[in-house]
N, C-alpha and C. Protein backbone atom coordinates (compact mmCIF):
# COMPACT_ATOMS: atom_id res chain seq x y z
N MET A 1 108.74 -91.53 30.67
CA MET A 1 108.03 -90.27 31.84
C MET A 1 108.53 -90.74 33.39
N ALA A 2 109.01 -90.04 33.69
CA ALA A 2 108.79 -90.36 35.45
C ALA A 2 107.36 -89.27 36.04
N LYS A 3 107.44 -90.06 36.57
CA LYS A 3 106.07 -89.41 37.10
C LYS A 3 105.47 -89.51 38.94
N GLN A 4 107.21 -89.53 40.01
CA GLN A 4 107.38 -88.27 40.28
C GLN A 4 108.36 -88.44 40.80
N LEU A 5 108.61 -86.42 41.10
CA LEU A 5 109.23 -85.71 41.75
C LEU A 5 109.77 -85.85 42.83
N VAL A 6 111.30 -86.64 43.31
CA VAL A 6 111.81 -85.97 44.39
C VAL A 6 112.64 -84.20 45.31
N ILE A 7 112.67 -83.87 45.24
CA ILE A 7 113.56 -82.91 46.14
C ILE A 7 114.26 -83.38 47.37
N LEU A 8 115.69 -83.29 47.10
CA LEU A 8 116.45 -83.90 48.77
C LEU A 8 116.85 -82.75 48.77
N TRP A 9 116.31 -81.51 49.92
CA TRP A 9 116.86 -80.57 50.07
C TRP A 9 117.83 -81.25 51.62
N THR A 10 119.23 -80.52 50.98
CA THR A 10 120.36 -80.48 51.94
C THR A 10 120.60 -79.48 52.64
N GLN A 11 120.82 -78.29 51.79
CA GLN A 11 121.75 -76.72 52.06
C GLN A 11 120.48 -76.24 53.44
N ASN A 12 121.09 -75.48 54.29
CA ASN A 12 120.69 -74.68 55.43
C ASN A 12 119.91 -73.26 55.16
N SER A 13 119.63 -73.09 53.10
CA SER A 13 120.35 -71.93 52.49
C SER A 13 118.11 -71.13 52.14
N GLU A 14 117.92 -69.74 52.87
CA GLU A 14 117.01 -70.19 53.20
C GLU A 14 116.49 -69.39 51.54
N VAL A 15 117.05 -69.44 50.83
CA VAL A 15 117.11 -68.27 50.36
C VAL A 15 116.79 -70.04 49.10
N THR A 16 117.34 -70.36 48.96
CA THR A 16 116.78 -71.32 47.69
C THR A 16 115.73 -72.43 48.21
N PHE A 17 115.16 -71.91 49.29
CA PHE A 17 113.66 -73.09 49.84
C PHE A 17 112.92 -71.77 49.31
N THR A 18 112.91 -70.56 49.34
CA THR A 18 111.86 -70.00 49.08
C THR A 18 112.11 -69.44 47.38
N GLU A 19 113.15 -68.99 46.81
CA GLU A 19 112.87 -68.75 45.37
C GLU A 19 113.02 -69.98 44.34
N MET A 20 113.27 -71.41 44.94
CA MET A 20 113.10 -72.34 43.86
C MET A 20 112.81 -73.94 44.55
N ILE A 21 112.96 -73.92 45.62
CA ILE A 21 112.09 -75.12 46.31
C ILE A 21 110.87 -75.22 46.34
N LEU A 22 110.43 -74.21 47.22
CA LEU A 22 108.71 -73.70 47.63
C LEU A 22 107.95 -73.76 46.53
N PRO A 23 108.83 -72.09 45.77
CA PRO A 23 107.81 -72.35 44.76
C PRO A 23 107.47 -73.21 43.26
N TYR A 24 108.77 -74.13 43.41
CA TYR A 24 109.15 -74.75 42.22
C TYR A 24 108.14 -76.11 42.84
N LEU A 25 107.92 -76.47 43.96
CA LEU A 25 106.51 -77.50 44.30
C LEU A 25 105.12 -76.55 44.40
N MET A 26 104.64 -75.67 44.22
CA MET A 26 103.71 -75.24 44.62
C MET A 26 102.55 -75.33 42.99
N ASN A 27 104.41 -74.84 41.80
CA ASN A 27 103.83 -74.89 41.18
C ASN A 27 103.53 -76.38 40.49
N SER A 28 104.60 -77.25 40.63
CA SER A 28 104.10 -78.57 40.39
C SER A 28 103.30 -79.23 40.48
N LYS A 29 102.71 -78.56 41.83
CA LYS A 29 101.54 -79.66 41.99
C LYS A 29 99.64 -78.61 40.67
N LEU A 30 99.70 -77.61 41.56
CA LEU A 30 98.69 -76.28 41.17
C LEU A 30 99.43 -76.73 39.41
N LYS A 31 99.40 -77.21 38.59
CA LYS A 31 99.44 -76.34 37.43
C LYS A 31 99.69 -78.67 36.61
N GLY A 32 100.18 -79.70 37.36
CA GLY A 32 99.44 -80.32 37.08
C GLY A 32 101.28 -80.39 36.15
N TRP A 33 102.73 -80.07 36.47
CA TRP A 33 104.05 -81.19 36.54
C TRP A 33 103.99 -82.33 36.44
N TRP A 34 104.19 -82.41 37.54
CA TRP A 34 104.18 -84.01 38.45
C TRP A 34 102.89 -84.45 38.93
N PRO A 35 102.44 -85.36 38.90
CA PRO A 35 101.36 -85.66 39.69
C PRO A 35 101.61 -86.32 41.17
N GLU A 36 102.97 -86.58 41.72
CA GLU A 36 103.42 -86.67 42.93
C GLU A 36 104.51 -86.06 42.72
N ALA A 37 104.80 -85.25 44.53
CA ALA A 37 105.64 -84.44 44.85
C ALA A 37 105.68 -84.68 45.42
N THR A 38 107.56 -84.46 45.80
CA THR A 38 107.79 -85.43 47.57
C THR A 38 109.02 -84.04 47.77
N LEU A 39 109.05 -84.18 49.10
CA LEU A 39 109.90 -82.66 50.26
C LEU A 39 110.91 -83.79 50.42
N ILE A 40 111.89 -83.92 51.30
CA ILE A 40 113.02 -84.43 51.98
C ILE A 40 113.99 -83.54 52.50
N ILE A 41 113.53 -82.88 54.25
CA ILE A 41 114.44 -82.82 54.32
C ILE A 41 115.42 -82.94 55.31
N TRP A 42 116.70 -82.98 54.88
CA TRP A 42 117.53 -84.06 55.32
C TRP A 42 118.85 -82.74 55.74
N GLY A 43 119.25 -83.09 56.75
CA GLY A 43 121.11 -82.53 57.54
C GLY A 43 120.35 -81.18 57.61
N GLY A 44 121.09 -80.05 56.41
CA GLY A 44 121.15 -78.32 57.21
C GLY A 44 119.77 -77.76 57.01
N SER A 45 118.65 -78.46 55.89
CA SER A 45 118.22 -78.06 55.72
C SER A 45 116.72 -78.12 57.32
N THR A 46 116.92 -79.44 57.58
CA THR A 46 116.91 -79.18 58.89
C THR A 46 116.28 -78.17 60.08
N GLN A 47 117.80 -77.84 60.16
CA GLN A 47 117.80 -76.91 61.32
C GLN A 47 117.70 -75.57 60.53
N LEU A 48 117.15 -75.14 59.71
CA LEU A 48 116.40 -74.17 59.03
C LEU A 48 115.30 -74.33 59.71
N VAL A 49 114.68 -75.37 59.16
CA VAL A 49 112.98 -75.43 58.95
C VAL A 49 112.92 -75.01 60.82
N ARG A 50 113.49 -75.89 61.78
CA ARG A 50 113.14 -75.60 63.30
C ARG A 50 114.20 -74.42 63.60
N ASP A 51 114.93 -73.15 62.89
CA ASP A 51 114.86 -72.71 63.25
C ASP A 51 114.17 -71.32 62.67
N THR A 52 113.44 -71.91 61.66
CA THR A 52 112.64 -70.15 60.82
C THR A 52 110.79 -70.54 60.61
N PRO A 53 110.92 -69.65 61.26
CA PRO A 53 109.55 -69.20 61.86
C PRO A 53 108.11 -69.16 59.99
N ALA A 54 108.81 -68.63 59.30
CA ALA A 54 108.52 -68.37 58.56
C ALA A 54 108.60 -69.77 56.94
N ILE A 55 110.22 -70.45 57.72
CA ILE A 55 109.21 -71.57 56.68
C ILE A 55 109.05 -72.48 57.54
N GLN A 56 108.41 -72.97 58.57
CA GLN A 56 107.57 -73.47 58.39
C GLN A 56 106.13 -73.31 58.65
N GLU A 57 105.73 -72.62 58.62
CA GLU A 57 104.76 -72.30 58.28
C GLU A 57 103.92 -72.42 56.40
N SER A 58 105.07 -72.75 55.74
CA SER A 58 105.29 -73.10 54.25
C SER A 58 105.87 -74.39 53.61
N ILE A 59 107.00 -74.78 55.27
CA ILE A 59 106.27 -76.69 54.92
C ILE A 59 104.79 -77.05 54.98
N GLN A 60 104.48 -76.42 56.32
CA GLN A 60 103.25 -76.38 55.96
C GLN A 60 101.66 -76.06 55.41
N GLY A 61 102.47 -75.53 55.01
CA GLY A 61 101.76 -74.80 53.49
C GLY A 61 101.72 -76.23 52.07
N LEU A 62 102.78 -76.46 51.90
CA LEU A 62 103.11 -77.77 51.38
C LEU A 62 102.42 -78.48 51.05
N VAL A 63 102.73 -79.02 52.76
CA VAL A 63 101.85 -79.71 53.76
C VAL A 63 99.98 -80.04 52.55
N ASN A 64 98.99 -79.13 53.57
CA ASN A 64 98.20 -78.23 53.60
C ASN A 64 97.80 -78.96 51.47
N HIS A 65 98.53 -79.24 50.99
CA HIS A 65 98.54 -79.06 49.74
C HIS A 65 98.43 -80.34 49.06
N ASN A 66 99.23 -81.41 49.88
CA ASN A 66 99.02 -83.27 50.00
C ASN A 66 99.89 -82.90 48.78
N ILE A 67 101.89 -82.74 49.37
CA ILE A 67 102.55 -82.61 48.47
C ILE A 67 102.66 -82.82 49.62
N THR A 68 104.16 -84.12 49.60
CA THR A 68 103.80 -85.04 50.84
C THR A 68 105.33 -84.22 50.74
N VAL A 69 105.94 -84.21 52.16
CA VAL A 69 106.84 -83.49 52.88
C VAL A 69 107.42 -84.82 54.22
N ARG A 70 109.11 -84.95 53.95
CA ARG A 70 109.48 -86.51 54.38
C ARG A 70 110.96 -85.71 55.25
N ALA A 71 110.85 -86.33 56.35
CA ALA A 71 112.50 -85.90 57.32
C ALA A 71 113.31 -87.15 57.63
N CYS A 72 114.71 -86.45 57.91
CA CYS A 72 115.78 -87.87 58.05
C CYS A 72 115.00 -88.16 60.23
N ARG A 73 114.60 -88.93 60.38
CA ARG A 73 114.20 -89.05 61.65
C ARG A 73 115.89 -88.77 62.48
N SER A 74 117.31 -89.37 61.47
CA SER A 74 118.28 -89.04 63.20
C SER A 74 119.09 -87.91 62.80
N CYS A 75 118.62 -86.90 61.44
CA CYS A 75 118.70 -85.41 61.47
C CYS A 75 117.95 -84.25 62.66
N ALA A 76 116.81 -85.38 62.86
CA ALA A 76 115.09 -84.34 63.21
C ALA A 76 116.29 -84.81 65.19
N ASN A 77 116.66 -85.99 65.12
CA ASN A 77 116.75 -85.83 67.12
C ASN A 77 117.67 -85.34 67.13
N HIS A 78 118.84 -85.46 65.96
CA HIS A 78 119.91 -84.72 67.22
C HIS A 78 120.66 -83.00 66.84
N LEU A 79 119.18 -82.91 66.13
CA LEU A 79 118.55 -81.49 66.25
C LEU A 79 117.33 -80.79 66.59
N ALA A 80 117.47 -81.50 67.67
CA ALA A 80 115.65 -81.86 68.22
C ALA A 80 114.24 -81.12 67.72
N ALA A 81 114.79 -81.39 66.39
CA ALA A 81 113.76 -80.91 66.18
C ALA A 81 111.92 -82.04 65.40
N THR A 82 112.60 -83.03 65.98
CA THR A 82 111.24 -83.92 65.47
C THR A 82 110.22 -83.96 65.92
N ALA A 83 108.97 -83.07 67.34
CA ALA A 83 107.80 -83.00 67.41
C ALA A 83 108.15 -81.54 67.19
N LEU A 84 108.38 -81.14 66.39
CA LEU A 84 108.50 -79.27 65.60
C LEU A 84 107.48 -80.40 64.61
N LEU A 85 108.98 -80.66 63.95
CA LEU A 85 108.27 -81.27 62.42
C LEU A 85 106.94 -82.20 62.02
N GLU A 86 106.90 -82.83 63.27
CA GLU A 86 106.12 -83.41 62.78
C GLU A 86 104.55 -82.57 63.95
N SER A 87 104.11 -81.86 64.22
CA SER A 87 103.23 -81.03 63.74
C SER A 87 102.70 -80.35 62.52
N LEU A 88 104.51 -80.37 62.03
CA LEU A 88 103.48 -79.66 60.88
C LEU A 88 103.13 -80.50 59.58
N GLY A 89 103.07 -81.70 60.41
CA GLY A 89 102.36 -81.98 59.08
C GLY A 89 103.02 -83.73 58.74
N VAL A 90 104.91 -83.56 58.80
CA VAL A 90 105.92 -83.42 58.03
C VAL A 90 106.09 -85.35 58.10
N ASP A 91 105.82 -86.48 57.76
CA ASP A 91 106.49 -87.63 58.05
C ASP A 91 107.94 -87.78 57.72
N VAL A 92 107.90 -87.88 59.37
CA VAL A 92 109.77 -87.93 60.63
C VAL A 92 110.06 -89.36 60.42
N CYS A 93 111.02 -89.78 59.07
CA CYS A 93 111.73 -91.50 59.47
C CYS A 93 112.60 -91.24 58.97
N TYR A 94 113.32 -93.03 58.89
CA TYR A 94 114.86 -93.31 58.82
C TYR A 94 114.49 -93.84 57.24
N MET A 95 115.80 -92.37 56.80
CA MET A 95 115.03 -91.96 55.46
C MET A 95 115.98 -92.76 54.61
N GLY A 96 117.66 -93.94 54.51
CA GLY A 96 118.18 -94.25 53.51
C GLY A 96 117.59 -95.26 53.03
N ALA A 97 116.59 -96.40 53.82
CA ALA A 97 116.54 -96.74 53.13
C ALA A 97 115.19 -95.91 52.24
N PRO A 98 114.16 -95.20 52.96
CA PRO A 98 113.19 -94.93 51.25
C PRO A 98 114.03 -93.78 50.11
N LEU A 99 115.02 -93.08 50.02
CA LEU A 99 116.17 -93.49 49.58
C LEU A 99 116.68 -94.19 48.33
N THR A 100 116.97 -94.79 48.65
CA THR A 100 117.76 -95.98 47.86
C THR A 100 116.34 -96.89 47.63
N ASP A 101 115.07 -96.54 47.55
CA ASP A 101 113.29 -97.12 47.07
C ASP A 101 114.02 -95.64 45.47
N TYR A 102 113.69 -94.48 45.82
CA TYR A 102 113.39 -93.44 45.01
C TYR A 102 115.25 -94.13 43.69
N LEU A 103 115.80 -93.82 44.23
CA LEU A 103 116.70 -93.83 43.20
C LEU A 103 116.44 -94.43 42.39
N GLN A 104 116.37 -95.73 43.07
CA GLN A 104 116.09 -96.99 41.99
C GLN A 104 115.20 -97.61 41.30
N LYS A 105 114.34 -96.45 41.30
CA LYS A 105 113.27 -96.57 40.43
C LYS A 105 113.12 -95.95 39.50
N ASN A 106 112.96 -95.84 38.15
CA ASN A 106 112.30 -95.12 36.98
C ASN A 106 111.44 -94.63 37.07
N ASP A 107 111.18 -94.34 37.31
CA ASP A 107 109.25 -93.47 37.33
C ASP A 107 109.76 -92.26 38.45
N VAL A 108 111.01 -91.87 38.96
CA VAL A 108 111.08 -91.03 39.99
C VAL A 108 112.46 -89.81 39.29
N LYS A 109 112.33 -88.98 39.50
CA LYS A 109 112.94 -87.98 39.45
C LYS A 109 113.98 -87.28 40.15
N LEU A 110 115.15 -87.71 41.00
CA LEU A 110 115.35 -86.83 41.66
C LEU A 110 116.26 -85.32 42.33
N LEU A 111 115.76 -84.48 42.21
CA LEU A 111 116.73 -83.49 41.99
C LEU A 111 117.85 -82.65 43.72
N SER A 112 118.61 -82.58 43.56
CA SER A 112 119.41 -82.83 45.24
C SER A 112 119.95 -81.03 45.19
N LEU A 113 119.23 -80.53 46.46
CA LEU A 113 120.44 -79.27 46.86
C LEU A 113 120.41 -78.95 48.12
């Protein structure tokens, strides 16, 4: 069985974040469904986080609950969101190699939204 959940969030839909991603990640942590959980912010989700204070607050809440939140540095740089994401505690890095690593591991389940 997989020991880590990775959610690759590329949509710019606030509803997808607030009604699926956020509650699932929080419940996964609080109820012990997954020993490790990671959210990757990439593409359109970067812009949504940059432009939505409520989502910024939620992202910070995930970080405060020891859920790993990462973001694509290329997207963050292009969308002028790098400093903001880093201020929220997001690990902003180039994600090509880390995503490939997640995909190649047997103990990781990747959910893409």
